[in-house]
Amino acid sequence: MPAENPIRVYIVDDHEVVRRGVASLLATDPELEVVGQSGSATVALREILQLRPDIAVLDANLSDGTGVDICREMRSVDPDIKALILTTYDDPDAISAAILAGASGYVLKKIEGNSLLNGIKLVAGGHSLIDPAVANRVVEQMEMQRKSLDVICELTPQQRKIFFLIAEGMTNRQIAERLYLAEKTVKNHVTGLLSRLGLQHRTQAALLAVRLRGADGSTSAGSAGSAGSAGSSGTSLGSPAPDRRVG
């Protein structure tokens, strides 16, 4: 017998067999009601905002978008709609993105049927299905990025250029040639930059630059001269264009 106020669920998965399988599973539980389903991110977002389900079960990767994108967009309009990301891969970066987008859960498709049913109920009830340890790592990573971004914005335009050239894998000699500096000058800059950022080697600088670019949506890795403008505005983290100033 159906529940008086079942949890209303919308399912998004671009694999029809998977989508129908999840819908059939949910149909076995009287406390759950499937109000819609789609294999398209565009269609799903439109219908979710029309139907306003209690929870959307979202495939992480779709042919025209991602579950994380849908989660972010729908919750920006209606934060009462909960999101559960259902995926094939246990990807730390994807989990971080899901948390930042406001998802309440992130589970693998290999999950057992009863566990998925219970998980949907938990998320709909305001609980989280994300490992607290994972969530803590995401928060710590964000704090580290914020501190690193503060340091980058305090650098001179020349220092910022050198940082992003390090991140591109250039050697001290290549950076010196690009910026028309003495190699010894570049070496001194590199040593100071790594120390100031709390890094031990150049590979860490490359990884940091990638993360900072990801945190700044306006950044373009190939935008000429943006490092120079960053020195005046403190907002752009783009790659440098060469100049002839001697540091």
C-alpha atoms as a PDB file:
ATOM      1  CA  MET A   1       0.000   0.000   0.000  1.00  0.00           C
ATOM      2  CA  PRO A   2       1.490   3.384  -1.053  1.00  0.00           C
ATOM      3  CA  ALA A   3       2.622   5.730   1.686  1.00  0.00           C
ATOM      4  CA  GLU A   4       0.441   8.774   2.348  1.00  0.00           C
ATOM      5  CA  ASN A   5       3.304  11.186   1.592  1.00  0.00           C
ATOM      6  CA  PRO A   6       5.904   9.262  -0.389  1.00  0.00           C
ATOM      7  CA  ILE A   7       9.340  10.694  -1.103  1.00  0.00           C
ATOM      8  CA  ARG A   8       9.209  12.088  -4.640  1.00  0.00           C
ATOM      9  CA  VAL A   9      12.244  11.060  -6.689  1.00  0.00           C
ATOM     10  CA  TYR A  10      13.527  12.123 -10.118  1.00  0.00           C
ATOM     11  CA  ILE A  11      16.069   9.838 -11.829  1.00  0.00           C
ATOM     12  CA  VAL A  12      18.734  10.976 -14.294  1.00  0.00           C
ATOM     13  CA  ASP A  13      20.908   8.475 -16.184  1.00  0.00           C
ATOM     14  CA  ASP A  14      21.734   8.380 -19.877  1.00  0.00           C
ATOM     15  CA  HIS A  15      21.816   4.572 -19.872  1.00  0.00           C
ATOM     16  CA  GLU A  16      18.198   3.564 -20.336  1.00  0.00           C
ATOM     17  CA  VAL A  17      18.646   0.116 -18.843  1.00  0.00           C
ATOM     18  CA  VAL A  18      20.227   1.546 -15.690  1.00  0.00           C
ATOM     19  CA  ARG A  19      17.625   4.294 -15.438  1.00  0.00           C
ATOM     20  CA  ARG A  20      14.724   1.884 -15.784  1.00  0.00           C
ATOM     21  CA  GLY A  21      16.380  -0.526 -13.383  1.00  0.00           C
ATOM     22  CA  VAL A  22      16.629   2.144 -10.689  1.00  0.00           C
ATOM     23  CA  ALA A  23      13.031   3.197 -11.353  1.00  0.00           C
ATOM     24  CA  SER A  24      11.836  -0.413 -11.041  1.00  0.00           C
ATOM     25  CA  LEU A  25      13.772  -0.816  -7.801  1.00  0.00           C
ATOM     26  CA  LEU A  26      12.227   2.331  -6.326  1.00  0.00           C
ATOM     27  CA  ALA A  27       8.764   1.149  -7.387  1.00  0.00           C
ATOM     28  CA  THR A  28       9.097  -1.770  -4.956  1.00  0.00           C
ATOM     29  CA  ASP A  29       9.186   0.594  -1.990  1.00  0.00           C
ATOM     30  CA  PRO A  30       5.864   2.234  -1.058  1.00  0.00           C
ATOM     31  CA  GLU A  31       7.702   5.082   0.652  1.00  0.00           C
ATOM     32  CA  LEU A  32       9.210   6.225  -2.660  1.00  0.00           C
ATOM     33  CA  GLU A  33       7.551   7.603  -5.785  1.00  0.00           C
ATOM     34  CA  VAL A  34       9.335   8.161  -9.113  1.00  0.00           C
ATOM     35  CA  VAL A  35       7.890  11.397 -10.517  1.00  0.00           C
ATOM     36  CA  GLY A  36      10.099  11.590 -13.581  1.00  0.00           C
ATOM     37  CA  GLN A  37      13.218  10.386 -15.325  1.00  0.00           C
ATOM     38  CA  SER A  38      15.509  11.443 -18.150  1.00  0.00           C
ATOM     39  CA  GLY A  39      18.788  10.633 -19.859  1.00  0.00           C
ATOM     40  CA  SER A  40      19.511  14.261 -20.777  1.00  0.00           C
ATOM     41  CA  ALA A  41      20.991  16.879 -18.465  1.00  0.00           C
ATOM     42  CA  THR A  42      19.119  19.669 -20.246  1.00  0.00           C
ATOM     43  CA  VAL A  43      15.752  17.940 -20.107  1.00  0.00           C
ATOM     44  CA  ALA A  44      16.342  16.746 -16.557  1.00  0.00           C
ATOM     45  CA  LEU A  45      17.111  20.205 -15.200  1.00  0.00           C
ATOM     46  CA  ARG A  46      14.019  21.673 -16.828  1.00  0.00           C
ATOM     47  CA  GLU A  47      11.722  18.905 -15.548  1.00  0.00           C
ATOM     48  CA  ILE A  48      13.243  18.864 -12.057  1.00  0.00           C
ATOM     49  CA  LEU A  49      12.564  22.583 -11.674  1.00  0.00           C
ATOM     50  CA  GLN A  50       9.007  22.016 -12.894  1.00  0.00           C
ATOM     51  CA  LEU A  51       8.257  18.954 -10.766  1.00  0.00           C
ATOM     52  CA  ARG A  52      10.239  19.978  -7.657  1.00  0.00           C
ATOM     53  CA  PRO A  53      10.920  16.429  -6.380  1.00  0.00           C
ATOM     54  CA  ASP A  54      12.222  15.817  -2.878  1.00  0.00           C
ATOM     55  CA  ILE A  55      15.397  14.261  -4.256  1.00  0.00           C
ATOM     56  CA  ALA A  56      17.115  13.846  -7.607  1.00  0.00           C
ATOM     57  CA  VAL A  57      19.233  10.750  -8.204  1.00  0.00           C
ATOM     58  CA  LEU A  58      21.830  11.976 -10.691  1.00  0.00           C
ATOM     59  CA  ASP A  59      24.268  10.053 -12.861  1.00  0.00           C
ATOM     60  CA  ALA A  60      27.688  11.683 -12.554  1.00  0.00           C
ATOM     61  CA  ASN A  61      28.404  11.665 -16.307  1.00  0.00           C
ATOM     62  CA  LEU A  62      25.849  12.353 -19.025  1.00  0.00           C
ATOM     63  CA  SER A  63      26.196  12.854 -22.754  1.00  0.00           C
ATOM     64  CA  ASP A  64      25.285  16.545 -22.495  1.00  0.00           C
ATOM     65  CA  GLY A  65      26.489  17.438 -19.018  1.00  0.00           C
ATOM     66  CA  THR A  66      27.116  16.077 -15.546  1.00  0.00           C
ATOM     67  CA  GLY A  67      25.083  15.274 -12.477  1.00  0.00           C
ATOM     68  CA  VAL A  68      27.174  17.778 -10.554  1.00  0.00           C
ATOM     69  CA  ASP A  69      26.163  20.534 -12.996  1.00  0.00           C
ATOM     70  CA  ILE A  70      22.494  19.634 -12.588  1.00  0.00           C
ATOM     71  CA  CYS A  71      22.901  19.570  -8.816  1.00  0.00           C
ATOM     72  CA  ARG A  72      24.502  23.008  -8.740  1.00  0.00           C
ATOM     73  CA  GLU A  73      21.903  24.573 -11.040  1.00  0.00           C
ATOM     74  CA  MET A  74      18.814  23.063  -9.446  1.00  0.00           C
ATOM     75  CA  ARG A  75      19.938  23.868  -5.904  1.00  0.00           C
ATOM     76  CA  SER A  76      20.715  27.450  -6.868  1.00  0.00           C
ATOM     77  CA  VAL A  77      17.010  27.749  -7.746  1.00  0.00           C
ATOM     78  CA  ASP A  78      15.555  25.484  -5.064  1.00  0.00           C
ATOM     79  CA  PRO A  79      17.922  24.420  -2.265  1.00  0.00           C
ATOM     80  CA  ASP A  80      15.203  22.197  -0.808  1.00  0.00           C
ATOM     81  CA  ILE A  81      15.745  19.653  -3.589  1.00  0.00           C
ATOM     82  CA  LYS A  82      18.282  17.116  -2.368  1.00  0.00           C
ATOM     83  CA  ALA A  83      20.792  15.452  -4.691  1.00  0.00           C
ATOM     84  CA  LEU A  84      22.303  11.991  -4.660  1.00  0.00           C
ATOM     85  CA  ILE A  85      25.114  11.433  -7.178  1.00  0.00           C
ATOM     86  CA  LEU A  86      25.182   7.883  -8.558  1.00  0.00           C
ATOM     87  CA  THR A  87      28.390   6.978 -10.372  1.00  0.00           C
ATOM     88  CA  THR A  88      30.590   4.147 -11.580  1.00  0.00           C
ATOM     89  CA  TYR A  89      33.836   5.708 -10.385  1.00  0.00           C
ATOM     90  CA  ASP A  90      35.196   6.485  -6.933  1.00  0.00           C
ATOM     91  CA  ASP A  91      36.974   9.703  -7.940  1.00  0.00           C
ATOM     92  CA  PRO A  92      38.180  12.026  -5.129  1.00  0.00           C
ATOM     93  CA  ASP A  93      38.014  15.082  -7.390  1.00  0.00           C
ATOM     94  CA  ALA A  94      34.466  14.206  -8.457  1.00  0.00           C
ATOM     95  CA  ILE A  95      33.450  13.737  -4.832  1.00  0.00           C
ATOM     96  CA  SER A  96      34.905  17.159  -4.020  1.00  0.00           C
ATOM     97  CA  ALA A  97      32.991  18.725  -6.903  1.00  0.00           C
ATOM     98  CA  ALA A  98      29.778  17.036  -5.759  1.00  0.00           C
ATOM     99  CA  ILE A  99      30.190  18.327  -2.200  1.00  0.00           C
ATOM    100  CA  LEU A 100      30.895  21.862  -3.414  1.00  0.00           C
ATOM    101  CA  ALA A 101      27.810  21.689  -5.674  1.00  0.00           C
ATOM    102  CA  GLY A 102      25.648  20.848  -2.672  1.00  0.00           C
ATOM    103  CA  ALA A 103      25.085  17.112  -3.154  1.00  0.00           C
ATOM    104  CA  SER A 104      24.016  15.238  -0.035  1.00  0.00           C
ATOM    105  CA  GLY A 105      25.258  11.873  -1.213  1.00  0.00           C
ATOM    106  CA  TYR A 106      27.752  10.227  -3.541  1.00  0.00           C
ATOM    107  CA  VAL A 107      27.397   6.479  -4.072  1.00  0.00           C
ATOM    108  CA  LEU A 108      28.721   3.905  -6.522  1.00  0.00           C
ATOM    109  CA  LYS A 109      26.418   2.053  -8.900  1.00  0.00           C
ATOM    110  CA  LYS A 110      27.608  -1.231  -7.454  1.00  0.00           C
ATOM    111  CA  ILE A 111      25.640  -0.384  -4.296  1.00  0.00           C
ATOM    112  CA  GLU A 112      23.110  -3.010  -3.234  1.00  0.00           C
ATOM    113  CA  GLY A 113      19.449  -2.305  -3.921  1.00  0.00           C
ATOM    114  CA  ASN A 114      18.329  -2.058  -0.305  1.00  0.00           C
ATOM    115  CA  SER A 115      21.260   0.197   0.503  1.00  0.00           C
ATOM    116  CA  LEU A 116      20.273   2.544  -2.334  1.00  0.00           C
ATOM    117  CA  LEU A 117      16.662   2.663  -1.136  1.00  0.00           C
ATOM    118  CA  ASN A 118      17.762   3.411   2.410  1.00  0.00           C
ATOM    119  CA  GLY A 119      20.277   5.961   1.149  1.00  0.00           C
ATOM    120  CA  ILE A 120      17.631   7.855  -0.798  1.00  0.00           C
ATOM    121  CA  LYS A 121      15.433   7.983   2.316  1.00  0.00           C
ATOM    122  CA  LEU A 122      18.327   9.220   4.443  1.00  0.00           C
ATOM    123  CA  VAL A 123      19.252  11.962   1.991  1.00  0.00           C
ATOM    124  CA  ALA A 124      15.613  13.005   1.589  1.00  0.00           C
ATOM    125  CA  GLY A 125      15.443  13.231   5.377  1.00  0.00           C
ATOM    126  CA  GLY A 126      18.325  15.673   5.511  1.00  0.00           C
ATOM    127  CA  HIS A 127      21.192  13.278   6.218  1.00  0.00           C
ATOM    128  CA  SER A 128      24.470  12.932   4.310  1.00  0.00           C
ATOM    129  CA  LEU A 129      25.812   9.905   2.476  1.00  0.00           C
ATOM    130  CA  ILE A 130      29.271  11.363   2.081  1.00  0.00           C
ATOM    131  CA  ASP A 131      32.058  10.027   4.269  1.00  0.00           C
ATOM    132  CA  PRO A 132      32.842  12.724   6.892  1.00  0.00           C
ATOM    133  CA  ALA A 133      36.568  12.077   6.390  1.00  0.00           C
ATOM    134  CA  VAL A 134      36.184  12.875   2.669  1.00  0.00           C
ATOM    135  CA  ALA A 135      34.201  16.018   3.444  1.00  0.00           C
ATOM    136  CA  ASN A 136      36.891  17.139   5.885  1.00  0.00           C
ATOM    137  CA  ARG A 137      39.590  16.636   3.239  1.00  0.00           C
ATOM    138  CA  VAL A 138      37.612  18.818   0.837  1.00  0.00           C
ATOM    139  CA  VAL A 139      37.329  21.590   3.425  1.00  0.00           C
ATOM    140  CA  GLU A 140      41.059  21.354   4.188  1.00  0.00           C
ATOM    141  CA  GLN A 141      41.868  21.473   0.476  1.00  0.00           C
ATOM    142  CA  MET A 142      39.723  24.588   0.040  1.00  0.00           C
ATOM    143  CA  GLU A 143      41.473  26.285   2.957  1.00  0.00           C
ATOM    144  CA  MET A 144      44.890  25.444   1.519  1.00  0.00           C
ATOM    145  CA  GLN A 145      43.827  26.824  -1.864  1.00  0.00           C
ATOM    146  CA  ARG A 146      42.572  30.010  -0.247  1.00  0.00           C
ATOM    147  CA  LYS A 147      45.862  30.556   1.589  1.00  0.00           C
ATOM    148  CA  SER A 148      47.875  29.790  -1.549  1.00  0.00           C
ATOM    149  CA  LEU A 149      45.726  32.171  -3.586  1.00  0.00           C
ATOM    150  CA  ASP A 150      46.366  34.906  -1.025  1.00  0.00           C
ATOM    151  CA  VAL A 151      50.121  34.360  -1.399  1.00  0.00           C
ATOM    152  CA  ILE A 152      49.936  34.334  -5.224  1.00  0.00           C
ATOM    153  CA  CYS A 153      48.015  37.619  -5.241  1.00  0.00           C
ATOM    154  CA  GLU A 154      50.718  39.202  -3.079  1.00  0.00           C
ATOM    155  CA  LEU A 155      53.468  38.335  -5.568  1.00  0.00           C
ATOM    156  CA  THR A 156      54.881  40.883  -7.976  1.00  0.00           C
ATOM    157  CA  PRO A 157      53.867  40.504 -11.652  1.00  0.00           C
ATOM    158  CA  GLN A 158      57.340  39.126 -12.397  1.00  0.00           C
ATOM    159  CA  GLN A 159      57.154  36.541  -9.615  1.00  0.00           C
ATOM    160  CA  ARG A 160      53.674  35.494 -10.728  1.00  0.00           C
ATOM    161  CA  LYS A 161      54.892  34.979 -14.283  1.00  0.00           C
ATOM    162  CA  ILE A 162      57.712  32.779 -13.050  1.00  0.00           C
ATOM    163  CA  PHE A 163      55.298  30.746 -10.907  1.00  0.00           C
ATOM    164  CA  PHE A 164      53.044  29.898 -13.846  1.00  0.00           C
ATOM    165  CA  LEU A 165      56.010  29.119 -16.088  1.00  0.00           C
ATOM    166  CA  ILE A 166      57.254  26.701 -13.426  1.00  0.00           C
ATOM    167  CA  ALA A 167      53.782  25.192 -13.486  1.00  0.00           C
ATOM    168  CA  GLU A 168      54.065  24.701 -17.247  1.00  0.00           C
ATOM    169  CA  GLY A 169      57.152  22.574 -16.648  1.00  0.00           C
ATOM    170  CA  MET A 170      59.757  25.033 -17.836  1.00  0.00           C
ATOM    171  CA  THR A 171      63.323  24.806 -16.539  1.00  0.00           C
ATOM    172  CA  ASN A 172      65.112  27.794 -15.032  1.00  0.00           C
ATOM    173  CA  ARG A 173      67.020  28.264 -18.282  1.00  0.00           C
ATOM    174  CA  GLN A 174      63.822  28.229 -20.357  1.00  0.00           C
ATOM    175  CA  ILE A 175      62.162  30.721 -18.020  1.00  0.00           C
ATOM    176  CA  ALA A 176      65.230  32.955 -18.189  1.00  0.00           C
ATOM    177  CA  GLU A 177      65.088  32.902 -21.988  1.00  0.00           C
ATOM    178  CA  ARG A 178      61.356  33.556 -22.054  1.00  0.00           C
ATOM    179  CA  LEU A 179      61.530  36.530 -19.673  1.00  0.00           C
ATOM    180  CA  TYR A 180      64.979  37.808 -20.727  1.00  0.00           C
ATOM    181  CA  LEU A 181      66.413  37.314 -17.242  1.00  0.00           C
ATOM    182  CA  ALA A 182      69.655  35.899 -15.940  1.00  0.00           C
ATOM    183  CA  GLU A 183      69.324  32.219 -15.092  1.00  0.00           C
ATOM    184  CA  LYS A 184      70.686  32.902 -11.607  1.00  0.00           C
ATOM    185  CA  THR A 185      67.958  35.514 -11.085  1.00  0.00           C
ATOM    186  CA  VAL A 186      65.307  32.972 -12.041  1.00  0.00           C
ATOM    187  CA  LYS A 187      66.836  30.384  -9.730  1.00  0.00           C
ATOM    188  CA  ASN A 188      66.664  32.807  -6.807  1.00  0.00           C
ATOM    189  CA  HIS A 189      63.032  33.627  -7.643  1.00  0.00           C
ATOM    190  CA  VAL A 190      62.109  29.939  -7.857  1.00  0.00           C
ATOM    191  CA  THR A 191      63.725  29.113  -4.527  1.00  0.00           C
ATOM    192  CA  GLY A 192      61.935  32.020  -2.863  1.00  0.00           C
ATOM    193  CA  LEU A 193      58.577  31.165  -4.446  1.00  0.00           C
ATOM    194  CA  LEU A 194      58.642  27.526  -3.414  1.00  0.00           C
ATOM    195  CA  SER A 195      59.601  28.482   0.130  1.00  0.00           C
ATOM    196  CA  ARG A 196      56.922  31.156   0.364  1.00  0.00           C
ATOM    197  CA  LEU A 197      54.238  28.756  -0.881  1.00  0.00           C
ATOM    198  CA  GLY A 198      55.367  25.995   1.449  1.00  0.00           C
ATOM    199  CA  LEU A 199      56.301  23.716  -1.457  1.00  0.00           C
ATOM    200  CA  GLN A 200      59.274  21.392  -1.720  1.00  0.00           C
ATOM    201  CA  HIS A 201      59.547  20.833  -5.457  1.00  0.00           C
ATOM    202  CA  ARG A 202      58.374  22.175  -8.809  1.00  0.00           C
ATOM    203  CA  THR A 203      55.806  19.431  -9.413  1.00  0.00           C
ATOM    204  CA  GLN A 204      53.869  20.662  -6.400  1.00  0.00           C
ATOM    205  CA  ALA A 205      53.839  24.134  -7.949  1.00  0.00           C
ATOM    206  CA  ALA A 206      52.336  22.705 -11.141  1.00  0.00           C
ATOM    207  CA  LEU A 207      49.587  20.918  -9.196  1.00  0.00           C
ATOM    208  CA  LEU A 208      48.863  24.051  -7.174  1.00  0.00           C
ATOM    209  CA  ALA A 209      48.554  26.145 -10.337  1.00  0.00           C
ATOM    210  CA  VAL A 210      46.043  23.675 -11.812  1.00  0.00           C
ATOM    211  CA  ARG A 211      43.939  23.791  -8.642  1.00  0.00           C
ATOM    212  CA  LEU A 212      44.049  27.585  -8.489  1.00  0.00           C
ATOM    213  CA  ARG A 213      42.975  27.823 -12.101  1.00  0.00           C
ATOM    214  CA  GLY A 214      40.099  25.488 -11.322  1.00  0.00           C
ATOM    215  CA  ALA A 215      39.097  27.666  -8.368  1.00  0.00           C
ATOM    216  CA  ASP A 216      39.083  30.821 -10.516  1.00  0.00           C
ATOM    217  CA  GLY A 217      36.552  30.399 -13.323  1.00  0.00           C
ATOM    218  CA  SER A 218      37.823  33.522 -15.114  1.00  0.00           C
ATOM    219  CA  THR A 219      41.303  32.117 -15.540  1.00  0.00           C
ATOM    220  CA  SER A 220      42.493  31.097 -18.951  1.00  0.00           C
ATOM    221  CA  ALA A 221      45.743  29.194 -19.166  1.00  0.00           C
ATOM    222  CA  GLY A 222      46.612  30.784 -22.453  1.00  0.00           C
ATOM    223  CA  SER A 223      45.546  34.380 -21.823  1.00  0.00           C
ATOM    224  CA  ALA A 224      48.458  36.585 -22.810  1.00  0.00           C
ATOM    225  CA  GLY A 225      49.485  39.262 -20.395  1.00  0.00           C
ATOM    226  CA  SER A 226      46.975  38.344 -17.707  1.00  0.00           C
ATOM    227  CA  ALA A 227      49.704  37.826 -15.150  1.00  0.00           C
ATOM    228  CA  GLY A 228      50.694  41.414 -15.617  1.00  0.00           C
ATOM    229  CA  SER A 229      47.133  42.559 -15.064  1.00  0.00           C
ATOM    230  CA  ALA A 230      46.936  40.370 -11.990  1.00  0.00           C
ATOM    231  CA  GLY A 231      49.636  42.469 -10.458  1.00  0.00           C
ATOM    232  CA  SER A 232      47.380  45.502 -10.616  1.00  0.00           C
ATOM    233  CA  SER A 233      44.018  43.926  -9.878  1.00  0.00           C
ATOM    234  CA  GLY A 234      45.001  40.888  -7.829  1.00  0.00           C
ATOM    235  CA  THR A 235      42.238  38.808  -9.420  1.00  0.00           C
ATOM    236  CA  SER A 236      43.546  37.113 -12.547  1.00  0.00           C
ATOM    237  CA  LEU A 237      45.779  34.068 -12.392  1.00  0.00           C
ATOM    238  CA  GLY A 238      46.384  33.515 -16.082  1.00  0.00           C
ATOM    239  CA  SER A 239      49.648  32.461 -17.745  1.00  0.00           C
ATOM    240  CA  PRO A 240      52.211  35.162 -18.454  1.00  0.00           C
ATOM    241  CA  ALA A 241      53.198  36.895 -21.621  1.00  0.00           C
ATOM    242  CA  PRO A 242      56.917  37.563 -22.077  1.00  0.00           C
ATOM    243  CA  ASP A 243      58.367  40.965 -21.321  1.00  0.00           C
ATOM    244  CA  ARG A 244      61.836  42.465 -21.304  1.00  0.00           C
ATOM    245  CA  ARG A 245      62.060  43.639 -17.719  1.00  0.00           C
ATOM    246  CA  VAL A 246      65.038  42.368 -15.752  1.00  0.00           C
ATOM    247  CA  GLY A 247      64.166  41.138 -12.238  1.00  0.00           C
END
